[in-house]
All heavy atoms as atom14 arrays in JSON, in Angstrom:
{
  "sequence": "KALWFARGRYGADDFQRMDRQRCVVDAIIQQANPANVLTR",
  "atom14_mask": [
    [1, 1, 1, 1, 1, 1, 1, 1, 1, 0, 0, 0, 0, 0],
    [1, 1, 1, 1, 1, 0, 0, 0, 0, 0, 0, 0, 0, 0],
    [1, 1, 1, 1, 1, 1, 1, 1, 0, 0, 0, 0, 0, 0],
    [1, 1, 1, 1, 1, 1, 1, 1, 1, 1, 1, 1, 1, 1],
    [1, 1, 1, 1, 1, 1, 1, 1, 1, 1, 1, 0, 0, 0],
    [1, 1, 1, 1, 1, 0, 0, 0, 0, 0, 0, 0, 0, 0],
    [1, 1, 1, 1, 1, 1, 1, 1, 1, 1, 1, 0, 0, 0],
    [1, 1, 1, 1, 0, 0, 0, 0, 0, 0, 0, 0, 0, 0],
    [1, 1, 1, 1, 1, 1, 1, 1, 1, 1, 1, 0, 0, 0],
    [1, 1, 1, 1, 1, 1, 1, 1, 1, 1, 1, 1, 0, 0],
    [1, 1, 1, 1, 0, 0, 0, 0, 0, 0, 0, 0, 0, 0],
    [1, 1, 1, 1, 1, 0, 0, 0, 0, 0, 0, 0, 0, 0],
    [1, 1, 1, 1, 1, 1, 1, 1, 0, 0, 0, 0, 0, 0],
    [1, 1, 1, 1, 1, 1, 1, 1, 0, 0, 0, 0, 0, 0],
    [1, 1, 1, 1, 1, 1, 1, 1, 1, 1, 1, 0, 0, 0],
    [1, 1, 1, 1, 1, 1, 1, 1, 1, 0, 0, 0, 0, 0],
    [1, 1, 1, 1, 1, 1, 1, 1, 1, 1, 1, 0, 0, 0],
    [1, 1, 1, 1, 1, 1, 1, 1, 0, 0, 0, 0, 0, 0],
    [1, 1, 1, 1, 1, 1, 1, 1, 0, 0, 0, 0, 0, 0],
    [1, 1, 1, 1, 1, 1, 1, 1, 1, 1, 1, 0, 0, 0],
    [1, 1, 1, 1, 1, 1, 1, 1, 1, 0, 0, 0, 0, 0],
    [1, 1, 1, 1, 1, 1, 1, 1, 1, 1, 1, 0, 0, 0],
    [1, 1, 1, 1, 1, 1, 0, 0, 0, 0, 0, 0, 0, 0],
    [1, 1, 1, 1, 1, 1, 1, 0, 0, 0, 0, 0, 0, 0],
    [1, 1, 1, 1, 1, 1, 1, 0, 0, 0, 0, 0, 0, 0],
    [1, 1, 1, 1, 1, 1, 1, 1, 0, 0, 0, 0, 0, 0],
    [1, 1, 1, 1, 1, 0, 0, 0, 0, 0, 0, 0, 0, 0],
    [1, 1, 1, 1, 1, 1, 1, 1, 0, 0, 0, 0, 0, 0],
    [1, 1, 1, 1, 1, 1, 1, 1, 0, 0, 0, 0, 0, 0],
    [1, 1, 1, 1, 1, 1, 1, 1, 1, 0, 0, 0, 0, 0],
    [1, 1, 1, 1, 1, 1, 1, 1, 1, 0, 0, 0, 0, 0],
    [1, 1, 1, 1, 1, 0, 0, 0, 0, 0, 0, 0, 0, 0],
    [1, 1, 1, 1, 1, 1, 1, 1, 0, 0, 0, 0, 0, 0],
    [1, 1, 1, 1, 1, 1, 1, 0, 0, 0, 0, 0, 0, 0],
    [1, 1, 1, 1, 1, 0, 0, 0, 0, 0, 0, 0, 0, 0],
    [1, 1, 1, 1, 1, 1, 1, 1, 0, 0, 0, 0, 0, 0],
    [1, 1, 1, 1, 1, 1, 1, 0, 0, 0, 0, 0, 0, 0],
    [1, 1, 1, 1, 1, 1, 1, 1, 0, 0, 0, 0, 0, 0],
    [1, 1, 1, 1, 1, 1, 1, 0, 0, 0, 0, 0, 0, 0],
    [1, 1, 1, 1, 1, 1, 1, 1, 1, 1, 1, 0, 0, 0]
  ],
  "atom14_positions": [
    [[9.7, -24.96, -49.24], [10.85, -25.44, -48.51], [11.48, -26.57, -49.12], [12.72, -26.74, -49.11], [10.31, -25.7, -47.03], [9.96, -24.57, -46.21], [9.56, -25.02, -44.83], [9.3, -23.78, -43.99], [8.88, -24.16, -42.5], [0.0, 0.0, 0.0], [0.0, 0.0, 0.0], [0.0, 0.0, 0.0], [0.0, 0.0, 0.0], [0.0, 0.0, 0.0]],
    [[10.65, -27.42, -49.86], [11.24, -28.49, -50.59], [12.09, -28.09, -51.65], [13.1, -28.61, -51.95], [10.14, -29.46, -51.09], [0.0, 0.0, 0.0], [0.0, 0.0, 0.0], [0.0, 0.0, 0.0], [0.0, 0.0, 0.0], [0.0, 0.0, 0.0], [0.0, 0.0, 0.0], [0.0, 0.0, 0.0], [0.0, 0.0, 0.0], [0.0, 0.0, 0.0]],
    [[11.77, -26.91, -52.3], [12.55, -26.32, -53.44], [13.93, -25.9, -52.79], [14.88, -25.99, -53.42], [11.75, -25.26, -54.13], [12.35, -24.63, -55.33], [12.72, -25.76, -56.44], [11.62, -23.54, -55.9], [0.0, 0.0, 0.0], [0.0, 0.0, 0.0], [0.0, 0.0, 0.0], [0.0, 0.0, 0.0], [0.0, 0.0, 0.0], [0.0, 0.0, 0.0]],
    [[13.89, -25.29, -51.74], [15.09, -24.76, -51.09], [15.92, -25.93, -50.55], [17.24, -25.87, -50.61], [14.8, -23.81, -49.99], [14.44, -22.45, -50.35], [13.28, -21.71, -50.28], [15.42, -21.55, -51.12], [13.43, -20.53, -50.91], [14.67, -20.41, -51.38], [16.72, -21.69, -51.47], [15.26, -19.27, -52.04], [17.36, -20.57, -52.13], [16.6, -19.42, -52.33]],
    [[15.24, -26.89, -50.12], [15.98, -28.2, -49.63], [16.84, -28.72, -50.91], [17.91, -29.23, -50.85], [15.04, -29.2, -49.12], [15.74, -30.5, -48.73], [16.54, -30.56, -47.58], [15.53, -31.65, -49.4], [17.12, -31.74, -47.27], [16.15, -32.87, -49.06], [16.97, -32.95, -47.98], [0.0, 0.0, 0.0], [0.0, 0.0, 0.0], [0.0, 0.0, 0.0]],
    [[16.23, -28.74, -52.1], [16.83, -29.2, -53.3], [17.88, -28.25, -53.92], [18.74, -28.71, -54.55], [15.76, -29.56, -54.3], [0.0, 0.0, 0.0], [0.0, 0.0, 0.0], [0.0, 0.0, 0.0], [0.0, 0.0, 0.0], [0.0, 0.0, 0.0], [0.0, 0.0, 0.0], [0.0, 0.0, 0.0], [0.0, 0.0, 0.0], [0.0, 0.0, 0.0]],
    [[17.62, -26.93, -53.69], [18.52, -26.0, -54.34], [19.36, -25.16, -53.45], [20.19, -24.49, -53.99], [17.58, -25.01, -55.12], [16.77, -25.69, -56.23], [15.74, -24.65, -56.78], [16.49, -23.6, -57.44], [15.9, -22.53, -57.82], [14.51, -22.25, -57.67], [16.48, -21.5, -58.48], [0.0, 0.0, 0.0], [0.0, 0.0, 0.0], [0.0, 0.0, 0.0]],
    [[19.19, -25.24, -52.15], [19.97, -24.31, -51.26], [21.47, -24.49, -51.43], [22.06, -25.59, -51.45], [0.0, 0.0, 0.0], [0.0, 0.0, 0.0], [0.0, 0.0, 0.0], [0.0, 0.0, 0.0], [0.0, 0.0, 0.0], [0.0, 0.0, 0.0], [0.0, 0.0, 0.0], [0.0, 0.0, 0.0], [0.0, 0.0, 0.0], [0.0, 0.0, 0.0]],
    [[22.17, -23.23, -51.77], [23.59, -23.34, -52.02], [24.44, -22.65, -51.02], [25.59, -22.99, -50.94], [23.74, -22.54, -53.46], [23.04, -23.18, -54.67], [23.3, -22.38, -55.83], [22.57, -22.94, -56.92], [22.62, -22.31, -58.17], [23.14, -21.22, -58.39], [21.92, -22.87, -59.15], [0.0, 0.0, 0.0], [0.0, 0.0, 0.0], [0.0, 0.0, 0.0]],
    [[23.87, -21.74, -50.26], [24.74, -20.95, -49.26], [25.44, -21.96, -48.31], [24.92, -22.7, -47.68], [23.92, -20.05, -48.44], [24.74, -19.07, -47.55], [25.25, -17.94, -48.11], [25.04, -19.42, -46.31], [25.97, -17.04, -47.32], [25.78, -18.65, -45.52], [26.24, -17.53, -45.96], [27.07, -16.62, -45.21], [0.0, 0.0, 0.0], [0.0, 0.0, 0.0]],
    [[26.83, -21.89, -48.35], [27.63, -22.75, -47.44], [27.56, -24.17, -47.9], [28.08, -25.05, -47.13], [0.0, 0.0, 0.0], [0.0, 0.0, 0.0], [0.0, 0.0, 0.0], [0.0, 0.0, 0.0], [0.0, 0.0, 0.0], [0.0, 0.0, 0.0], [0.0, 0.0, 0.0], [0.0, 0.0, 0.0], [0.0, 0.0, 0.0], [0.0, 0.0, 0.0]],
    [[27.13, -24.47, -49.09], [27.21, -25.91, -49.6], [27.8, -25.94, -51.01], [27.74, -24.82, -51.7], [25.78, -26.52, -49.42], [0.0, 0.0, 0.0], [0.0, 0.0, 0.0], [0.0, 0.0, 0.0], [0.0, 0.0, 0.0], [0.0, 0.0, 0.0], [0.0, 0.0, 0.0], [0.0, 0.0, 0.0], [0.0, 0.0, 0.0], [0.0, 0.0, 0.0]],
    [[28.16, -27.1, -51.45], [28.63, -27.22, -52.73], [27.57, -27.94, -53.69], [26.61, -28.45, -53.18], [29.92, -27.96, -52.9], [29.91, -29.36, -52.25], [28.73, -29.94, -52.27], [30.89, -29.82, -51.64], [0.0, 0.0, 0.0], [0.0, 0.0, 0.0], [0.0, 0.0, 0.0], [0.0, 0.0, 0.0], [0.0, 0.0, 0.0], [0.0, 0.0, 0.0]],
    [[27.87, -27.99, -54.9], [26.85, -28.56, -55.93], [26.6, -30.05, -55.53], [25.47, -30.58, -55.81], [27.47, -28.58, -57.38], [27.32, -27.19, -57.84], [26.47, -26.38, -57.34], [27.95, -26.91, -58.86], [0.0, 0.0, 0.0], [0.0, 0.0, 0.0], [0.0, 0.0, 0.0], [0.0, 0.0, 0.0], [0.0, 0.0, 0.0], [0.0, 0.0, 0.0]],
    [[27.62, -30.71, -54.94], [27.49, -32.16, -54.7], [26.55, -32.45, -53.6], [25.8, -33.44, -53.49], [28.86, -32.85, -54.53], [29.81, -32.35, -55.58], [30.86, -31.63, -55.33], [29.53, -32.8, -56.91], [31.68, -31.27, -56.35], [30.51, -32.41, -57.94], [31.56, -31.65, -57.62], [0.0, 0.0, 0.0], [0.0, 0.0, 0.0], [0.0, 0.0, 0.0]],
    [[26.6, -31.63, -52.54], [25.58, -31.69, -51.53], [24.19, -31.48, -52.05], [23.33, -32.15, -51.6], [25.98, -30.71, -50.36], [27.14, -31.11, -49.66], [27.71, -29.99, -48.74], [27.89, -28.81, -49.14], [27.76, -30.19, -47.44], [0.0, 0.0, 0.0], [0.0, 0.0, 0.0], [0.0, 0.0, 0.0], [0.0, 0.0, 0.0], [0.0, 0.0, 0.0]],
    [[24.11, -30.5, -52.97], [22.81, -30.23, -53.51], [22.21, -31.39, -54.31], [21.15, -31.86, -54.3], [22.81, -29.02, -54.54], [23.01, -27.73, -53.73], [23.33, -26.57, -54.68], [22.1, -26.31, -55.6], [22.19, -26.54, -56.9], [23.3, -26.87, -57.42], [21.08, -26.37, -57.64], [0.0, 0.0, 0.0], [0.0, 0.0, 0.0], [0.0, 0.0, 0.0]],
    [[23.17, -32.04, -55.01], [22.74, -33.29, -55.81], [22.33, -34.41, -54.93], [21.45, -35.14, -55.12], [24.09, -33.77, -56.69], [24.42, -32.87, -57.86], [26.0, -33.17, -58.51], [25.79, -34.84, -59.05], [0.0, 0.0, 0.0], [0.0, 0.0, 0.0], [0.0, 0.0, 0.0], [0.0, 0.0, 0.0], [0.0, 0.0, 0.0], [0.0, 0.0, 0.0]],
    [[22.96, -34.54, -53.73], [22.49, -35.49, -52.75], [21.14, -35.25, -52.28], [20.27, -36.13, -52.14], [23.52, -35.5, -51.51], [24.83, -36.17, -51.91], [24.88, -37.01, -52.68], [25.8, -35.71, -51.21], [0.0, 0.0, 0.0], [0.0, 0.0, 0.0], [0.0, 0.0, 0.0], [0.0, 0.0, 0.0], [0.0, 0.0, 0.0], [0.0, 0.0, 0.0]],
    [[20.87, -33.96, -52.01], [19.49, -33.62, -51.52], [18.52, -33.82, -52.54], [17.35, -34.28, -52.3], [19.48, -32.18, -51.04], [20.43, -31.96, -49.79], [20.16, -30.65, -49.13], [20.17, -29.46, -49.99], [21.27, -28.62, -50.06], [22.33, -28.92, -49.4], [21.24, -27.62, -50.87], [0.0, 0.0, 0.0], [0.0, 0.0, 0.0], [0.0, 0.0, 0.0]],
    [[18.81, -33.48, -53.87], [17.95, -33.6, -54.98], [17.45, -35.11, -55.18], [16.35, -35.28, -55.41], [18.52, -33.13, -56.19], [18.69, -31.55, -56.21], [19.51, -31.05, -57.35], [20.03, -31.76, -58.17], [19.64, -29.79, -57.3], [0.0, 0.0, 0.0], [0.0, 0.0, 0.0], [0.0, 0.0, 0.0], [0.0, 0.0, 0.0], [0.0, 0.0, 0.0]],
    [[18.4, -35.97, -55.09], [17.94, -37.36, -55.24], [17.1, -37.88, -54.06], [16.23, -38.66, -54.28], [19.17, -38.41, -55.36], [20.06, -38.36, -54.16], [21.15, -39.49, -54.35], [22.17, -39.28, -53.28], [23.04, -40.24, -53.09], [23.13, -41.39, -53.83], [24.14, -40.11, -52.2], [0.0, 0.0, 0.0], [0.0, 0.0, 0.0], [0.0, 0.0, 0.0]],
    [[17.29, -37.26, -52.84], [16.42, -37.57, -51.75], [15.0, -37.0, -52.0], [13.97, -37.71, -51.66], [16.99, -36.99, -50.44], [18.53, -37.82, -49.92], [0.0, 0.0, 0.0], [0.0, 0.0, 0.0], [0.0, 0.0, 0.0], [0.0, 0.0, 0.0], [0.0, 0.0, 0.0], [0.0, 0.0, 0.0], [0.0, 0.0, 0.0], [0.0, 0.0, 0.0]],
    [[14.94, -35.95, -52.71], [13.69, -35.27, -53.02], [13.0, -36.17, -54.03], [11.76, -36.56, -53.96], [13.84, -33.9, -53.6], [12.45, -33.47, -54.17], [14.18, -32.97, -52.47], [0.0, 0.0, 0.0], [0.0, 0.0, 0.0], [0.0, 0.0, 0.0], [0.0, 0.0, 0.0], [0.0, 0.0, 0.0], [0.0, 0.0, 0.0], [0.0, 0.0, 0.0]],
    [[13.65, -36.65, -55.03], [13.13, -37.6, -55.99], [12.64, -38.85, -55.4], [11.52, -39.36, -55.68], [14.13, -37.96, -57.06], [13.69, -39.06, -58.02], [14.45, -36.64, -57.95], [0.0, 0.0, 0.0], [0.0, 0.0, 0.0], [0.0, 0.0, 0.0], [0.0, 0.0, 0.0], [0.0, 0.0, 0.0], [0.0, 0.0, 0.0], [0.0, 0.0, 0.0]],
    [[13.44, -39.38, -54.47], [13.14, -40.68, -53.78], [11.81, -40.39, -52.93], [10.85, -41.25, -52.87], [14.23, -41.15, -52.89], [13.91, -42.52, -52.3], [13.71, -43.48, -53.0], [13.85, -42.51, -51.02], [0.0, 0.0, 0.0], [0.0, 0.0, 0.0], [0.0, 0.0, 0.0], [0.0, 0.0, 0.0], [0.0, 0.0, 0.0], [0.0, 0.0, 0.0]],
    [[11.66, -39.29, -52.21], [10.58, -38.87, -51.5], [9.29, -38.89, -52.17], [8.18, -39.32, -51.82], [10.82, -37.63, -50.66], [0.0, 0.0, 0.0], [0.0, 0.0, 0.0], [0.0, 0.0, 0.0], [0.0, 0.0, 0.0], [0.0, 0.0, 0.0], [0.0, 0.0, 0.0], [0.0, 0.0, 0.0], [0.0, 0.0, 0.0], [0.0, 0.0, 0.0]],
    [[9.34, -38.33, -53.42], [8.22, -38.11, -54.27], [7.71, -39.57, -54.71], [6.59, -39.93, -54.81], [8.61, -37.3, -55.52], [8.71, -35.85, -54.99], [7.34, -37.32, -56.54], [9.22, -34.96, -56.22], [0.0, 0.0, 0.0], [0.0, 0.0, 0.0], [0.0, 0.0, 0.0], [0.0, 0.0, 0.0], [0.0, 0.0, 0.0], [0.0, 0.0, 0.0]],
    [[8.75, -40.43, -55.19], [8.41, -41.77, -55.62], [7.72, -42.56, -54.38], [6.76, -43.22, -54.7], [9.68, -42.6, -55.97], [10.18, -41.99, -57.25], [9.49, -44.03, -56.29], [11.56, -42.56, -57.71], [0.0, 0.0, 0.0], [0.0, 0.0, 0.0], [0.0, 0.0, 0.0], [0.0, 0.0, 0.0], [0.0, 0.0, 0.0], [0.0, 0.0, 0.0]],
    [[8.21, -42.42, -53.2], [7.63, -43.23, -52.08], [6.33, -42.62, -51.7], [5.5, -43.4, -51.19], [8.68, -43.21, -50.87], [10.03, -43.83, -51.23], [9.91, -45.18, -51.7], [9.0, -45.99, -51.18], [10.64, -45.66, -52.7], [0.0, 0.0, 0.0], [0.0, 0.0, 0.0], [0.0, 0.0, 0.0], [0.0, 0.0, 0.0], [0.0, 0.0, 0.0]],
    [[6.08, -41.36, -51.75], [4.92, -40.68, -51.2], [3.81, -40.43, -52.17], [2.67, -40.06, -51.7], [5.29, -39.34, -50.49], [6.32, -39.64, -49.27], [6.83, -38.4, -48.68], [6.1, -37.37, -48.6], [8.15, -38.35, -48.4], [0.0, 0.0, 0.0], [0.0, 0.0, 0.0], [0.0, 0.0, 0.0], [0.0, 0.0, 0.0], [0.0, 0.0, 0.0]],
    [[4.11, -40.61, -53.47], [2.97, -40.43, -54.43], [2.27, -41.67, -54.61], [2.16, -42.22, -55.68], [3.62, -40.03, -55.8], [0.0, 0.0, 0.0], [0.0, 0.0, 0.0], [0.0, 0.0, 0.0], [0.0, 0.0, 0.0], [0.0, 0.0, 0.0], [0.0, 0.0, 0.0], [0.0, 0.0, 0.0], [0.0, 0.0, 0.0], [0.0, 0.0, 0.0]],
    [[1.59, -42.09, -53.44], [0.83, -43.36, -53.52], [-0.61, -43.06, -54.05], [-1.03, -41.93, -54.15], [0.63, -44.01, -52.01], [0.02, -43.01, -51.12], [-1.11, -42.62, -51.14], [0.86, -42.33, -50.24], [0.0, 0.0, 0.0], [0.0, 0.0, 0.0], [0.0, 0.0, 0.0], [0.0, 0.0, 0.0], [0.0, 0.0, 0.0], [0.0, 0.0, 0.0]],
    [[-1.25, -44.13, -54.5], [-2.61, -43.95, -55.1], [-3.6, -43.06, -54.38], [-4.26, -42.27, -54.91], [-3.13, -45.35, -55.42], [-1.83, -46.22, -55.7], [-0.87, -45.56, -54.53], [0.0, 0.0, 0.0], [0.0, 0.0, 0.0], [0.0, 0.0, 0.0], [0.0, 0.0, 0.0], [0.0, 0.0, 0.0], [0.0, 0.0, 0.0], [0.0, 0.0, 0.0]],
    [[-3.66, -43.36, -53.1], [-4.63, -42.64, -52.26], [-4.32, -41.19, -52.16], [-5.09, -40.3, -52.24], [-4.67, -43.24, -50.78], [0.0, 0.0, 0.0], [0.0, 0.0, 0.0], [0.0, 0.0, 0.0], [0.0, 0.0, 0.0], [0.0, 0.0, 0.0], [0.0, 0.0, 0.0], [0.0, 0.0, 0.0], [0.0, 0.0, 0.0], [0.0, 0.0, 0.0]],
    [[-3.05, -40.84, -52.03], [-2.6, -39.4, -51.95], [-2.84, -38.77, -53.28], [-3.29, -37.61, -53.31], [-1.13, -39.42, -51.59], [-0.62, -37.97, -51.27], [-1.39, -37.17, -50.89], [0.61, -37.77, -51.39], [0.0, 0.0, 0.0], [0.0, 0.0, 0.0], [0.0, 0.0, 0.0], [0.0, 0.0, 0.0], [0.0, 0.0, 0.0], [0.0, 0.0, 0.0]],
    [[-2.55, -39.3, -54.37], [-2.72, -38.8, -55.62], [-4.2, -38.66, -55.99], [-4.62, -37.55, -56.46], [-2.08, -39.76, -56.85], [-2.46, -39.3, -58.22], [-0.56, -39.76, -56.67], [0.0, 0.0, 0.0], [0.0, 0.0, 0.0], [0.0, 0.0, 0.0], [0.0, 0.0, 0.0], [0.0, 0.0, 0.0], [0.0, 0.0, 0.0], [0.0, 0.0, 0.0]],
    [[-5.08, -39.52, -55.6], [-6.52, -39.49, -55.94], [-7.14, -38.36, -55.14], [-7.92, -37.52, -55.71], [-7.18, -40.79, -55.6], [-7.06, -41.91, -56.68], [-7.61, -43.24, -56.16], [-7.6, -41.43, -57.97], [0.0, 0.0, 0.0], [0.0, 0.0, 0.0], [0.0, 0.0, 0.0], [0.0, 0.0, 0.0], [0.0, 0.0, 0.0], [0.0, 0.0, 0.0]],
    [[-6.75, -38.15, -53.91], [-7.3, -37.18, -53.21], [-6.93, -35.72, -53.54], [-7.64, -34.65, -53.26], [-7.02, -37.24, -51.55], [-5.64, -37.36, -51.44], [-7.75, -38.56, -51.08], [0.0, 0.0, 0.0], [0.0, 0.0, 0.0], [0.0, 0.0, 0.0], [0.0, 0.0, 0.0], [0.0, 0.0, 0.0], [0.0, 0.0, 0.0], [0.0, 0.0, 0.0]],
    [[-5.84, -35.5, -54.24], [-5.2, -34.28, -54.62], [-5.07, -34.19, -56.12], [-4.3, -33.4, -56.61], [-3.9, -34.07, -53.87], [-3.97, -34.13, -52.46], [-2.58, -34.05, -51.67], [-2.62, -34.12, -50.32], [-2.88, -33.05, -49.52], [-3.0, -31.89, -50.09], [-2.92, -33.25, -48.19], [0.0, 0.0, 0.0], [0.0, 0.0, 0.0], [0.0, 0.0, 0.0]]
  ]
}
């Protein structure tokens, strides 16, 4: 679902996809904390 959130095109333009992609990048930065990374 995260991949579709970043890539979904139907009814959307490239710029909306770019907006979503940077939100995915930001979510990874914020959520890849040491505890989460160590356990997985």
